[in-house]
Amino acid sequence: MICPNCEYEYVEGIDVCPDCGTQLIPKEEFEGNLVHPSDWIVVYTCSEYYEAEMLKTNLESAGIEVLVLSQKDRNYPTVGNLSIVKLLVKKTDQEDALEIIRDINQRSQNNDGEKYDQDE
């Protein structure tokens, strides 16, 4: 038996995780739900973490599971921003995610050229 929350394995006869109180599930059922790196694909890269987080929020609101991988290393300060932040989604959600990202980027480009009237 395995806790789907903590991922700790317990002996037969224990039904509830002693650490978090979650109902345990059989190991065979749990292994079918493991996350594998091959299931994920990079759909967007940027240099700012906040940009990736904003896109993540938009994608998650559309029901798309998202991971943010930041390769920022503050231990080695350098001139300029050489870090890369990657946005990953499951391969099955790739097309939907790319469509949403394209739409957001297109709206952003359209709004950059507009002048805002303060009276509106």
PDB file of N, CA and C in Angstrom:
ATOM      1  N   MET A   1       0.847  -1.184   0.000  1.00  0.00           N
ATOM      2  CA  MET A   1       0.000   0.000   0.000  1.00  0.00           C
ATOM      3  C   MET A   1       0.894   1.249   0.000  1.00  0.00           C
ATOM      4  N   ILE A   2       0.443   2.278  -0.740  1.00  0.00           N
ATOM      5  CA  ILE A   2       1.211   3.517  -0.885  1.00  0.00           C
ATOM      6  C   ILE A   2       0.295   4.714  -0.625  1.00  0.00           C
ATOM      7  N   CYS A   3       0.849   5.733   0.002  1.00  0.00           N
ATOM      8  CA  CYS A   3       0.117   6.984   0.198  1.00  0.00           C
ATOM      9  C   CYS A   3       0.253   7.813  -1.084  1.00  0.00           C
ATOM     10  N   PRO A   4      -0.863   8.167  -1.735  1.00  0.00           N
ATOM     11  CA  PRO A   4      -0.767   8.957  -2.966  1.00  0.00           C
ATOM     12  C   PRO A   4      -0.295  10.383  -2.723  1.00  0.00           C
ATOM     13  N   ASN A   5      -0.348  10.829  -1.476  1.00  0.00           N
ATOM     14  CA  ASN A   5       0.077  12.183  -1.136  1.00  0.00           C
ATOM     15  C   ASN A   5       1.566  12.222  -0.768  1.00  0.00           C
ATOM     16  N   CYS A   6       1.964  11.396   0.174  1.00  0.00           N
ATOM     17  CA  CYS A   6       3.360  11.386   0.662  1.00  0.00           C
ATOM     18  C   CYS A   6       4.277  10.483  -0.167  1.00  0.00           C
ATOM     19  N   GLU A   7       3.680   9.520  -0.861  1.00  0.00           N
ATOM     20  CA  GLU A   7       4.394   8.518  -1.649  1.00  0.00           C
ATOM     21  C   GLU A   7       5.216   7.566  -0.787  1.00  0.00           C
ATOM     22  N   TYR A   8       4.809   7.406   0.490  1.00  0.00           N
ATOM     23  CA  TYR A   8       5.455   6.426   1.361  1.00  0.00           C
ATOM     24  C   TYR A   8       4.771   5.087   1.182  1.00  0.00           C
ATOM     25  N   GLU A   9       5.552   4.015   1.290  1.00  0.00           N
ATOM     26  CA  GLU A   9       5.015   2.673   1.147  1.00  0.00           C
ATOM     27  C   GLU A   9       4.830   2.060   2.528  1.00  0.00           C
ATOM     28  N   TYR A  10       3.698   1.386   2.734  1.00  0.00           N
ATOM     29  CA  TYR A  10       3.382   0.775   4.019  1.00  0.00           C
ATOM     30  C   TYR A  10       3.073  -0.707   3.843  1.00  0.00           C
ATOM     31  N   VAL A  11       3.157  -1.441   4.930  1.00  0.00           N
ATOM     32  CA  VAL A  11       2.896  -2.878   4.912  1.00  0.00           C
ATOM     33  C   VAL A  11       1.396  -3.142   4.796  1.00  0.00           C
ATOM     34  N   GLU A  12       1.055  -4.353   4.383  1.00  0.00           N
ATOM     35  CA  GLU A  12      -0.347  -4.765   4.284  1.00  0.00           C
ATOM     36  C   GLU A  12      -1.034  -4.584   5.636  1.00  0.00           C
ATOM     37  N   GLY A  13      -2.285  -4.211   5.590  1.00  0.00           N
ATOM     38  CA  GLY A  13      -3.068  -4.061   6.816  1.00  0.00           C
ATOM     39  C   GLY A  13      -3.238  -2.618   7.250  1.00  0.00           C
ATOM     40  N   ILE A  14      -2.395  -1.720   6.759  1.00  0.00           N
ATOM     41  CA  ILE A  14      -2.542  -0.295   7.076  1.00  0.00           C
ATOM     42  C   ILE A  14      -3.324   0.342   5.941  1.00  0.00           C
ATOM     43  N   ASP A  15      -4.413   1.045   6.286  1.00  0.00           N
ATOM     44  CA  ASP A  15      -5.294   1.626   5.272  1.00  0.00           C
ATOM     45  C   ASP A  15      -5.180   3.134   5.163  1.00  0.00           C
ATOM     46  N   VAL A  16      -4.672   3.783   6.217  1.00  0.00           N
ATOM     47  CA  VAL A  16      -4.592   5.246   6.246  1.00  0.00           C
ATOM     48  C   VAL A  16      -3.157   5.648   6.558  1.00  0.00           C
ATOM     49  N   CYS A  17      -2.653   6.655   5.851  1.00  0.00           N
ATOM     50  CA  CYS A  17      -1.287   7.138   6.067  1.00  0.00           C
ATOM     51  C   CYS A  17      -1.171   7.744   7.466  1.00  0.00           C
ATOM     52  N   PRO A  18      -0.246   7.246   8.286  1.00  0.00           N
ATOM     53  CA  PRO A  18      -0.076   7.805   9.623  1.00  0.00           C
ATOM     54  C   PRO A  18       0.495   9.228   9.615  1.00  0.00           C
ATOM     55  N   ASP A  19       1.127   9.632   8.518  1.00  0.00           N
ATOM     56  CA  ASP A  19       1.726  10.964   8.446  1.00  0.00           C
ATOM     57  C   ASP A  19       0.721  12.038   8.062  1.00  0.00           C
ATOM     58  N   CYS A  20      -0.132  11.759   7.034  1.00  0.00           N
ATOM     59  CA  CYS A  20      -1.027  12.814   6.549  1.00  0.00           C
ATOM     60  C   CYS A  20      -2.513  12.460   6.626  1.00  0.00           C
ATOM     61  N   GLY A  21      -2.837  11.215   6.962  1.00  0.00           N
ATOM     62  CA  GLY A  21      -4.232  10.823   7.117  1.00  0.00           C
ATOM     63  C   GLY A  21      -4.946  10.477   5.818  1.00  0.00           C
ATOM     64  N   THR A  22      -4.215  10.392   4.695  1.00  0.00           N
ATOM     65  CA  THR A  22      -4.808  10.083   3.399  1.00  0.00           C
ATOM     66  C   THR A  22      -5.032   8.575   3.270  1.00  0.00           C
ATOM     67  N   GLN A  23      -6.121   8.193   2.608  1.00  0.00           N
ATOM     68  CA  GLN A  23      -6.422   6.786   2.350  1.00  0.00           C
ATOM     69  C   GLN A  23      -5.343   6.195   1.442  1.00  0.00           C
ATOM     70  N   LEU A  24      -4.762   5.073   1.832  1.00  0.00           N
ATOM     71  CA  LEU A  24      -3.717   4.420   1.034  1.00  0.00           C
ATOM     72  C   LEU A  24      -4.338   3.684  -0.149  1.00  0.00           C
ATOM     73  N   ILE A  25      -3.545   3.527  -1.219  1.00  0.00           N
ATOM     74  CA  ILE A  25      -3.993   2.808  -2.401  1.00  0.00           C
ATOM     75  C   ILE A  25      -3.002   1.691  -2.694  1.00  0.00           C
ATOM     76  N   PRO A  26      -3.441   0.655  -3.445  1.00  0.00           N
ATOM     77  CA  PRO A  26      -2.506  -0.430  -3.790  1.00  0.00           C
ATOM     78  C   PRO A  26      -1.345   0.086  -4.641  1.00  0.00           C
ATOM     79  N   LYS A  27      -0.184  -0.511  -4.465  1.00  0.00           N
ATOM     80  CA  LYS A  27       1.018  -0.093  -5.173  1.00  0.00           C
ATOM     81  C   LYS A  27       0.831  -0.149  -6.682  1.00  0.00           C
ATOM     82  N   GLU A  28       0.136  -1.157  -7.190  1.00  0.00           N
ATOM     83  CA  GLU A  28      -0.079  -1.307  -8.627  1.00  0.00           C
ATOM     84  C   GLU A  28      -0.870  -0.130  -9.191  1.00  0.00           C
ATOM     85  N   GLU A  29      -1.865   0.315  -8.442  1.00  0.00           N
ATOM     86  CA  GLU A  29      -2.687   1.447  -8.880  1.00  0.00           C
ATOM     87  C   GLU A  29      -1.872   2.747  -8.876  1.00  0.00           C
ATOM     88  N   PHE A  30      -1.020   2.884  -7.882  1.00  0.00           N
ATOM     89  CA  PHE A  30      -0.193   4.091  -7.765  1.00  0.00           C
ATOM     90  C   PHE A  30       0.822   4.179  -8.895  1.00  0.00           C
ATOM     91  N   GLU A  31       1.472   3.069  -9.225  1.00  0.00           N
ATOM     92  CA  GLU A  31       2.520   3.080 -10.244  1.00  0.00           C
ATOM     93  C   GLU A  31       1.994   3.465 -11.606  1.00  0.00           C
ATOM     94  N   GLY A  32       0.713   3.258 -11.852  1.00  0.00           N
ATOM     95  CA  GLY A  32       0.114   3.672 -13.113  1.00  0.00           C
ATOM     96  C   GLY A  32      -0.050   5.180 -13.200  1.00  0.00           C
ATOM     97  N   ASN A  33       0.059   5.887 -12.083  1.00  0.00           N
ATOM     98  CA  ASN A  33      -0.128   7.337 -12.048  1.00  0.00           C
ATOM     99  C   ASN A  33       1.166   8.108 -11.818  1.00  0.00           C
ATOM    100  N   LEU A  34       2.309   7.435 -11.900  1.00  0.00           N
ATOM    101  CA  LEU A  34       3.579   8.112 -11.685  1.00  0.00           C
ATOM    102  C   LEU A  34       3.866   9.098 -12.816  1.00  0.00           C
ATOM    103  N   VAL A  35       4.561  10.166 -12.469  1.00  0.00           N
ATOM    104  CA  VAL A  35       4.949  11.171 -13.452  1.00  0.00           C
ATOM    105  C   VAL A  35       6.297  10.757 -14.039  1.00  0.00           C
ATOM    106  N   HIS A  36       6.358  10.690 -15.355  1.00  0.00           N
ATOM    107  CA  HIS A  36       7.597  10.338 -16.043  1.00  0.00           C
ATOM    108  C   HIS A  36       8.068  11.541 -16.853  1.00  0.00           C
ATOM    109  N   PRO A  37       9.349  11.856 -16.851  1.00  0.00           N
ATOM    110  CA  PRO A  37       9.848  12.988 -17.631  1.00  0.00           C
ATOM    111  C   PRO A  37       9.482  12.909 -19.106  1.00  0.00           C
ATOM    112  N   SER A  38       9.357  11.702 -19.629  1.00  0.00           N
ATOM    113  CA  SER A  38       9.030  11.556 -21.048  1.00  0.00           C
ATOM    114  C   SER A  38       7.597  11.980 -21.364  1.00  0.00           C
ATOM    115  N   ASP A  39       6.758  12.157 -20.343  1.00  0.00           N
ATOM    116  CA  ASP A  39       5.364  12.588 -20.545  1.00  0.00           C
ATOM    117  C   ASP A  39       5.242  14.104 -20.708  1.00  0.00           C
ATOM    118  N   TRP A  40       6.310  14.840 -20.472  1.00  0.00           N
ATOM    119  CA  TRP A  40       6.268  16.306 -20.448  1.00  0.00           C
ATOM    120  C   TRP A  40       7.071  16.889 -21.611  1.00  0.00           C
ATOM    121  N   ILE A  41       6.660  18.074 -22.049  1.00  0.00           N
ATOM    122  CA  ILE A  41       7.357  18.749 -23.148  1.00  0.00           C
ATOM    123  C   ILE A  41       7.445  20.242 -22.848  1.00  0.00           C
ATOM    124  N   VAL A  42       8.549  20.862 -23.251  1.00  0.00           N
ATOM    125  CA  VAL A  42       8.743  22.300 -23.058  1.00  0.00           C
ATOM    126  C   VAL A  42       7.929  23.039 -24.113  1.00  0.00           C
ATOM    127  N   VAL A  43       7.057  23.950 -23.662  1.00  0.00           N
ATOM    128  CA  VAL A  43       6.244  24.719 -24.604  1.00  0.00           C
ATOM    129  C   VAL A  43       6.618  26.198 -24.630  1.00  0.00           C
ATOM    130  N   TYR A  44       7.438  26.628 -23.653  1.00  0.00           N
ATOM    131  CA  TYR A  44       7.796  28.044 -23.611  1.00  0.00           C
ATOM    132  C   TYR A  44       9.057  28.212 -22.784  1.00  0.00           C
ATOM    133  N   THR A  45       9.935  29.117 -23.214  1.00  0.00           N
ATOM    134  CA  THR A  45      11.116  29.480 -22.431  1.00  0.00           C
ATOM    135  C   THR A  45      11.189  30.991 -22.329  1.00  0.00           C
ATOM    136  N   CYS A  46      11.703  31.454 -21.217  1.00  0.00           N
ATOM    137  CA  CYS A  46      11.873  32.891 -21.007  1.00  0.00           C
ATOM    138  C   CYS A  46      13.013  33.085 -20.014  1.00  0.00           C
ATOM    139  N   SER A  47      13.338  34.333 -19.743  1.00  0.00           N
ATOM    140  CA  SER A  47      14.425  34.598 -18.803  1.00  0.00           C
ATOM    141  C   SER A  47      13.917  35.104 -17.457  1.00  0.00           C
ATOM    142  N   GLU A  48      12.633  35.386 -17.367  1.00  0.00           N
ATOM    143  CA  GLU A  48      12.064  35.904 -16.126  1.00  0.00           C
ATOM    144  C   GLU A  48      11.077  34.918 -15.515  1.00  0.00           C
ATOM    145  N   TYR A  49      11.265  34.626 -14.240  1.00  0.00           N
ATOM    146  CA  TYR A  49      10.408  33.670 -13.543  1.00  0.00           C
ATOM    147  C   TYR A  49       8.962  34.164 -13.474  1.00  0.00           C
ATOM    148  N   TYR A  50       8.767  35.467 -13.268  1.00  0.00           N
ATOM    149  CA  TYR A  50       7.410  36.000 -13.152  1.00  0.00           C
ATOM    150  C   TYR A  50       6.617  35.800 -14.441  1.00  0.00           C
ATOM    151  N   GLU A  51       7.284  35.868 -15.596  1.00  0.00           N
ATOM    152  CA  GLU A  51       6.610  35.663 -16.876  1.00  0.00           C
ATOM    153  C   GLU A  51       6.107  34.220 -16.978  1.00  0.00           C
ATOM    154  N   ALA A  52       6.944  33.277 -16.572  1.00  0.00           N
ATOM    155  CA  ALA A  52       6.549  31.866 -16.590  1.00  0.00           C
ATOM    156  C   ALA A  52       5.401  31.617 -15.625  1.00  0.00           C
ATOM    157  N   GLU A  53       5.423  32.240 -14.465  1.00  0.00           N
ATOM    158  CA  GLU A  53       4.356  32.067 -13.480  1.00  0.00           C
ATOM    159  C   GLU A  53       3.029  32.618 -13.983  1.00  0.00           C
ATOM    160  N   MET A  54       3.058  33.746 -14.695  1.00  0.00           N
ATOM    161  CA  MET A  54       1.821  34.312 -15.244  1.00  0.00           C
ATOM    162  C   MET A  54       1.231  33.378 -16.299  1.00  0.00           C
ATOM    163  N   LEU A  55       2.074  32.844 -17.174  1.00  0.00           N
ATOM    164  CA  LEU A  55       1.588  31.905 -18.177  1.00  0.00           C
ATOM    165  C   LEU A  55       1.073  30.628 -17.521  1.00  0.00           C
ATOM    166  N   LYS A  56       1.759  30.181 -16.479  1.00  0.00           N
ATOM    167  CA  LYS A  56       1.329  28.987 -15.752  1.00  0.00           C
ATOM    168  C   LYS A  56      -0.077  29.182 -15.203  1.00  0.00           C
ATOM    169  N   THR A  57      -0.340  30.332 -14.628  1.00  0.00           N
ATOM    170  CA  THR A  57      -1.659  30.626 -14.071  1.00  0.00           C
ATOM    171  C   THR A  57      -2.735  30.570 -15.153  1.00  0.00           C
ATOM    172  N   ASN A  58      -2.453  31.142 -16.312  1.00  0.00           N
ATOM    173  CA  ASN A  58      -3.406  31.112 -17.418  1.00  0.00           C
ATOM    174  C   ASN A  58      -3.659  29.684 -17.906  1.00  0.00           C
ATOM    175  N   LEU A  59      -2.612  28.908 -18.034  1.00  0.00           N
ATOM    176  CA  LEU A  59      -2.764  27.534 -18.510  1.00  0.00           C
ATOM    177  C   LEU A  59      -3.515  26.674 -17.496  1.00  0.00           C
ATOM    178  N   GLU A  60      -3.199  26.848 -16.217  1.00  0.00           N
ATOM    179  CA  GLU A  60      -3.890  26.078 -15.186  1.00  0.00           C
ATOM    180  C   GLU A  60      -5.370  26.437 -15.112  1.00  0.00           C
ATOM    181  N   SER A  61      -5.711  27.697 -15.395  1.00  0.00           N
ATOM    182  CA  SER A  61      -7.118  28.083 -15.385  1.00  0.00           C
ATOM    183  C   SER A  61      -7.870  27.434 -16.545  1.00  0.00           C
ATOM    184  N   ALA A  62      -7.142  26.966 -17.557  1.00  0.00           N
ATOM    185  CA  ALA A  62      -7.739  26.244 -18.676  1.00  0.00           C
ATOM    186  C   ALA A  62      -7.712  24.731 -18.437  1.00  0.00           C
ATOM    187  N   GLY A  63      -7.295  24.315 -17.242  1.00  0.00           N
ATOM    188  CA  GLY A  63      -7.278  22.899 -16.902  1.00  0.00           C
ATOM    189  C   GLY A  63      -6.051  22.153 -17.377  1.00  0.00           C
ATOM    190  N   ILE A  64      -4.978  22.873 -17.679  1.00  0.00           N
ATOM    191  CA  ILE A  64      -3.739  22.253 -18.156  1.00  0.00           C
ATOM    192  C   ILE A  64      -2.732  22.224 -17.010  1.00  0.00           C
ATOM    193  N   GLU A  65      -2.220  21.035 -16.723  1.00  0.00           N
ATOM    194  CA  GLU A  65      -1.221  20.885 -15.668  1.00  0.00           C
ATOM    195  C   GLU A  65       0.115  21.417 -16.173  1.00  0.00           C
ATOM    196  N   VAL A  66       0.805  22.235 -15.356  1.00  0.00           N
ATOM    197  CA  VAL A  66       2.020  22.922 -15.778  1.00  0.00           C
ATOM    198  C   VAL A  66       3.124  22.764 -14.738  1.00  0.00           C
ATOM    199  N   LEU A  67       4.349  22.593 -15.209  1.00  0.00           N
ATOM    200  CA  LEU A  67       5.535  22.621 -14.357  1.00  0.00           C
ATOM    201  C   LEU A  67       6.426  23.768 -14.802  1.00  0.00           C
ATOM    202  N   VAL A  68       7.032  24.468 -13.848  1.00  0.00           N
ATOM    203  CA  VAL A  68       7.983  25.527 -14.158  1.00  0.00           C
ATOM    204  C   VAL A  68       9.362  25.040 -13.714  1.00  0.00           C
ATOM    205  N   LEU A  69      10.298  25.036 -14.643  1.00  0.00           N
ATOM    206  CA  LEU A  69      11.675  24.614 -14.361  1.00  0.00           C
ATOM    207  C   LEU A  69      12.569  25.821 -14.512  1.00  0.00           C
ATOM    208  N   SER A  70      13.099  26.283 -13.385  1.00  0.00           N
ATOM    209  CA  SER A  70      13.982  27.441 -13.408  1.00  0.00           C
ATOM    210  C   SER A  70      15.421  26.968 -13.274  1.00  0.00           C
ATOM    211  N   GLN A  71      16.265  27.450 -14.157  1.00  0.00           N
ATOM    212  CA  GLN A  71      17.679  27.106 -14.107  1.00  0.00           C
ATOM    213  C   GLN A  71      18.500  28.278 -13.584  1.00  0.00           C
ATOM    214  N   LYS A  72      17.837  29.131 -12.829  1.00  0.00           N
ATOM    215  CA  LYS A  72      18.494  30.297 -12.254  1.00  0.00           C
ATOM    216  C   LYS A  72      19.388  29.844 -11.108  1.00  0.00           C
ATOM    217  N   ASP A  73      20.619  30.248 -11.112  1.00  0.00           N
ATOM    218  CA  ASP A  73      21.559  29.897 -10.060  1.00  0.00           C
ATOM    219  C   ASP A  73      22.130  31.178  -9.470  1.00  0.00           C
ATOM    220  N   ARG A  74      21.693  31.505  -8.291  1.00  0.00           N
ATOM    221  CA  ARG A  74      22.126  32.742  -7.640  1.00  0.00           C
ATOM    222  C   ARG A  74      23.505  32.606  -6.992  1.00  0.00           C
ATOM    223  N   ASN A  75      24.070  31.397  -7.019  1.00  0.00           N
ATOM    224  CA  ASN A  75      25.388  31.177  -6.437  1.00  0.00           C
ATOM    225  C   ASN A  75      26.511  31.751  -7.290  1.00  0.00           C
ATOM    226  N   TYR A  76      26.248  31.915  -8.582  1.00  0.00           N
ATOM    227  CA  TYR A  76      27.267  32.406  -9.491  1.00  0.00           C
ATOM    228  C   TYR A  76      26.772  33.665 -10.185  1.00  0.00           C
ATOM    229  N   PRO A  77      26.927  34.814  -9.532  1.00  0.00           N
ATOM    230  CA  PRO A  77      26.449  36.054 -10.148  1.00  0.00           C
ATOM    231  C   PRO A  77      27.236  36.364 -11.413  1.00  0.00           C
ATOM    232  N   THR A  78      26.516  36.742 -12.452  1.00  0.00           N
ATOM    233  CA  THR A  78      27.140  37.095 -13.716  1.00  0.00           C
ATOM    234  C   THR A  78      26.539  38.391 -14.216  1.00  0.00           C
ATOM    235  N   VAL A  79      27.183  38.978 -15.171  1.00  0.00           N
ATOM    236  CA  VAL A  79      26.666  40.181 -15.799  1.00  0.00           C
ATOM    237  C   VAL A  79      25.563  39.765 -16.754  1.00  0.00           C
ATOM    238  N   GLY A  80      24.425  40.429 -16.687  1.00  0.00           N
ATOM    239  CA  GLY A  80      23.300  40.080 -17.557  1.00  0.00           C
ATOM    240  C   GLY A  80      22.498  38.926 -16.980  1.00  0.00           C
ATOM    241  N   ASN A  81      21.447  38.577 -17.680  1.00  0.00           N
ATOM    242  CA  ASN A  81      20.591  37.498 -17.225  1.00  0.00           C
ATOM    243  C   ASN A  81      20.760  36.314 -18.163  1.00  0.00           C
ATOM    244  N   LEU A  82      21.498  35.303 -17.719  1.00  0.00           N
ATOM    245  CA  LEU A  82      21.782  34.144 -18.548  1.00  0.00           C
ATOM    246  C   LEU A  82      20.912  32.938 -18.184  1.00  0.00           C
ATOM    247  N   SER A  83      19.993  33.125 -17.256  1.00  0.00           N
ATOM    248  CA  SER A  83      19.181  32.003 -16.809  1.00  0.00           C
ATOM    249  C   SER A  83      18.037  31.736 -17.775  1.00  0.00           C
ATOM    250  N   ILE A  84      17.580  30.508 -17.755  1.00  0.00           N
ATOM    251  CA  ILE A  84      16.460  30.102 -18.596  1.00  0.00           C
ATOM    252  C   ILE A  84      15.387  29.517 -17.688  1.00  0.00           C
ATOM    253  N   VAL A  85      14.146  29.945 -17.909  1.00  0.00           N
ATOM    254  CA  VAL A  85      13.010  29.391 -17.198  1.00  0.00           C
ATOM    255  C   VAL A  85      12.151  28.686 -18.239  1.00  0.00           C
ATOM    256  N   LYS A  86      11.822  27.415 -17.984  1.00  0.00           N
ATOM    257  CA  LYS A  86      11.068  26.622 -18.946  1.00  0.00           C
ATOM    258  C   LYS A  86       9.682  26.304 -18.393  1.00  0.00           C
ATOM    259  N   LEU A  87       8.714  26.303 -19.284  1.00  0.00           N
ATOM    260  CA  LEU A  87       7.345  25.934 -18.963  1.00  0.00           C
ATOM    261  C   LEU A  87       7.070  24.588 -19.627  1.00  0.00           C
ATOM    262  N   LEU A  88       6.700  23.593 -18.840  1.00  0.00           N
ATOM    263  CA  LEU A  88       6.446  22.259 -19.364  1.00  0.00           C
ATOM    264  C   LEU A  88       4.980  21.878 -19.158  1.00  0.00           C
ATOM    265  N   VAL A  89       4.416  21.186 -20.134  1.00  0.00           N
ATOM    266  CA  VAL A  89       3.068  20.639 -20.026  1.00  0.00           C
ATOM    267  C   VAL A  89       3.120  19.181 -20.476  1.00  0.00           C
ATOM    268  N   LYS A  90       2.078  18.440 -20.152  1.00  0.00           N
ATOM    269  CA  LYS A  90       2.013  17.060 -20.626  1.00  0.00           C
ATOM    270  C   LYS A  90       1.865  17.073 -22.137  1.00  0.00           C
ATOM    271  N   LYS A  91       2.455  16.084 -22.780  1.00  0.00           N
ATOM    272  CA  LYS A  91       2.427  16.020 -24.239  1.00  0.00           C
ATOM    273  C   LYS A  91       1.003  16.038 -24.784  1.00  0.00           C
ATOM    274  N   THR A  92       0.070  15.470 -24.038  1.00  0.00           N
ATOM    275  CA  THR A  92      -1.322  15.435 -24.494  1.00  0.00           C
ATOM    276  C   THR A  92      -1.960  16.827 -24.506  1.00  0.00           C
ATOM    277  N   ASP A  93      -1.395  17.770 -23.742  1.00  0.00           N
ATOM    278  CA  ASP A  93      -1.929  19.134 -23.670  1.00  0.00           C
ATOM    279  C   ASP A  93      -1.127  20.132 -24.495  1.00  0.00           C
ATOM    280  N   GLN A  94      -0.141  19.659 -25.236  1.00  0.00           N
ATOM    281  CA  GLN A  94       0.786  20.543 -25.946  1.00  0.00           C
ATOM    282  C   GLN A  94       0.071  21.509 -26.887  1.00  0.00           C
ATOM    283  N   GLU A  95      -0.799  21.018 -27.758  1.00  0.00           N
ATOM    284  CA  GLU A  95      -1.459  21.883 -28.739  1.00  0.00           C
ATOM    285  C   GLU A  95      -2.323  22.950 -28.075  1.00  0.00           C
ATOM    286  N   ASP A  96      -3.096  22.556 -27.065  1.00  0.00           N
ATOM    287  CA  ASP A  96      -3.943  23.521 -26.355  1.00  0.00           C
ATOM    288  C   ASP A  96      -3.098  24.582 -25.663  1.00  0.00           C
ATOM    289  N   ALA A  97      -2.002  24.158 -25.035  1.00  0.00           N
ATOM    290  CA  ALA A  97      -1.122  25.092 -24.340  1.00  0.00           C
ATOM    291  C   ALA A  97      -0.492  26.080 -25.312  1.00  0.00           C
ATOM    292  N   LEU A  98      -0.008  25.578 -26.442  1.00  0.00           N
ATOM    293  CA  LEU A  98       0.616  26.459 -27.434  1.00  0.00           C
ATOM    294  C   LEU A  98      -0.390  27.460 -27.992  1.00  0.00           C
ATOM    295  N   GLU A  99      -1.621  27.038 -28.194  1.00  0.00           N
ATOM    296  CA  GLU A  99      -2.654  27.943 -28.692  1.00  0.00           C
ATOM    297  C   GLU A  99      -2.938  29.064 -27.689  1.00  0.00           C
ATOM    298  N   ILE A 100      -3.009  28.712 -26.422  1.00  0.00           N
ATOM    299  CA  ILE A 100      -3.244  29.724 -25.377  1.00  0.00           C
ATOM    300  C   ILE A 100      -2.071  30.691 -25.293  1.00  0.00           C
ATOM    301  N   ILE A 101      -0.850  30.167 -25.338  1.00  0.00           N
ATOM    302  CA  ILE A 101       0.339  31.024 -25.263  1.00  0.00           C
ATOM    303  C   ILE A 101       0.403  31.958 -26.464  1.00  0.00           C
ATOM    304  N   ARG A 102       0.120  31.439 -27.666  1.00  0.00           N
ATOM    305  CA  ARG A 102       0.089  32.287 -28.863  1.00  0.00           C
ATOM    306  C   ARG A 102      -0.939  33.405 -28.718  1.00  0.00           C
ATOM    307  N   ASP A 103      -2.118  33.074 -28.207  1.00  0.00           N
ATOM    308  CA  ASP A 103      -3.175  34.064 -28.023  1.00  0.00           C
ATOM    309  C   ASP A 103      -2.739  35.146 -27.036  1.00  0.00           C
ATOM    310  N   ILE A 104      -2.131  34.759 -25.952  1.00  0.00           N
ATOM    311  CA  ILE A 104      -1.658  35.726 -24.949  1.00  0.00           C
ATOM    312  C   ILE A 104      -0.589  36.624 -25.540  1.00  0.00           C
ATOM    313  N   ASN A 105       0.382  36.035 -26.259  1.00  0.00           N
ATOM    314  CA  ASN A 105       1.453  36.830 -26.870  1.00  0.00           C
ATOM    315  C   ASN A 105       0.918  37.773 -27.938  1.00  0.00           C
ATOM    316  N   GLN A 106      -0.061  37.318 -28.712  1.00  0.00           N
ATOM    317  CA  GLN A 106      -0.653  38.162 -29.744  1.00  0.00           C
ATOM    318  C   GLN A 106      -1.392  39.343 -29.114  1.00  0.00           C
ATOM    319  N   ARG A 107      -2.143  39.095 -28.068  1.00  0.00           N
ATOM    320  CA  ARG A 107      -2.843  40.183 -27.375  1.00  0.00           C
ATOM    321  C   ARG A 107      -1.854  41.179 -26.782  1.00  0.00           C
ATOM    322  N   SER A 108      -0.768  40.649 -26.243  1.00  0.00           N
ATOM    323  CA  SER A 108       0.257  41.511 -25.656  1.00  0.00           C
ATOM    324  C   SER A 108       0.885  42.404 -26.712  1.00  0.00           C
ATOM    325  N   GLN A 109       1.176  41.856 -27.890  1.00  0.00           N
ATOM    326  CA  GLN A 109       1.763  42.641 -28.976  1.00  0.00           C
ATOM    327  C   GLN A 109       0.789  43.694 -29.473  1.00  0.00           C
ATOM    328  N   ASN A 110      -0.489  43.344 -29.579  1.00  0.00           N
ATOM    329  CA  ASN A 110      -1.504  44.301 -30.015  1.00  0.00           C
ATOM    330  C   ASN A 110      -1.665  45.442 -29.026  1.00  0.00           C
ATOM    331  N   ASN A 111      -1.588  45.138 -27.742  1.00  0.00           N
ATOM    332  CA  ASN A 111      -1.754  46.162 -26.705  1.00  0.00           C
ATOM    333  C   ASN A 111      -0.534  47.053 -26.560  1.00  0.00           C
ATOM    334  N   ASP A 112       0.643  46.570 -26.960  1.00  0.00           N
ATOM    335  CA  ASP A 112       1.860  47.381 -26.850  1.00  0.00           C
ATOM    336  C   ASP A 112       1.794  48.617 -27.740  1.00  0.00           C
ATOM    337  N   GLY A 113       1.121  48.523 -28.874  1.00  0.00           N
ATOM    338  CA  GLY A 113       1.052  49.633 -29.814  1.00  0.00           C
ATOM    339  C   GLY A 113      -0.076  50.605 -29.528  1.00  0.00           C
ATOM    340  N   GLU A 114      -0.994  50.255 -28.633  1.00  0.00           N
ATOM    341  CA  GLU A 114      -2.139  51.126 -28.345  1.00  0.00           C
ATOM    342  C   GLU A 114      -1.760  52.207 -27.354  1.00  0.00           C
ATOM    343  N   LYS A 115      -2.375  53.384 -27.536  1.00  0.00           N
ATOM    344  CA  LYS A 115      -2.215  54.461 -26.570  1.00  0.00           C
ATOM    345  C   LYS A 115      -3.480  54.489 -25.719  1.00  0.00           C
ATOM    346  N   TYR A 116      -3.308  54.565 -24.432  1.00  0.00           N
ATOM    347  CA  TYR A 116      -4.446  54.544 -23.530  1.00  0.00           C
ATOM    348  C   TYR A 116      -4.877  55.962 -23.209  1.00  0.00           C
ATOM    349  N   ASP A 117      -6.169  56.181 -23.301  1.00  0.00           N
ATOM    350  CA  ASP A 117      -6.753  57.477 -22.971  1.00  0.00           C
ATOM    351  C   ASP A 117      -7.114  57.444 -21.489  1.00  0.00           C
ATOM    352  N   GLN A 118      -6.603  58.378 -20.721  1.00  0.00           N
ATOM    353  CA  GLN A 118      -6.834  58.402 -19.285  1.00  0.00           C
ATOM    354  C   GLN A 118      -8.287  58.716 -18.946  1.00  0.00           C
ATOM    355  N   ASP A 119      -9.062  59.314 -19.877  1.00  0.00           N
ATOM    356  CA  ASP A 119     -10.446  59.647 -19.609  1.00  0.00           C
ATOM    357  C   ASP A 119     -11.366  58.449 -19.696  1.00  0.00           C
ATOM    358  N   GLU A 120     -10.929  57.336 -20.283  1.00  0.00           N
ATOM    359  CA  GLU A 120     -11.786  56.160 -20.445  1.00  0.00           C
ATOM    360  C   GLU A 120     -11.930  55.406 -19.164  1.00  0.00           C
TER     361      GLU A 120
END
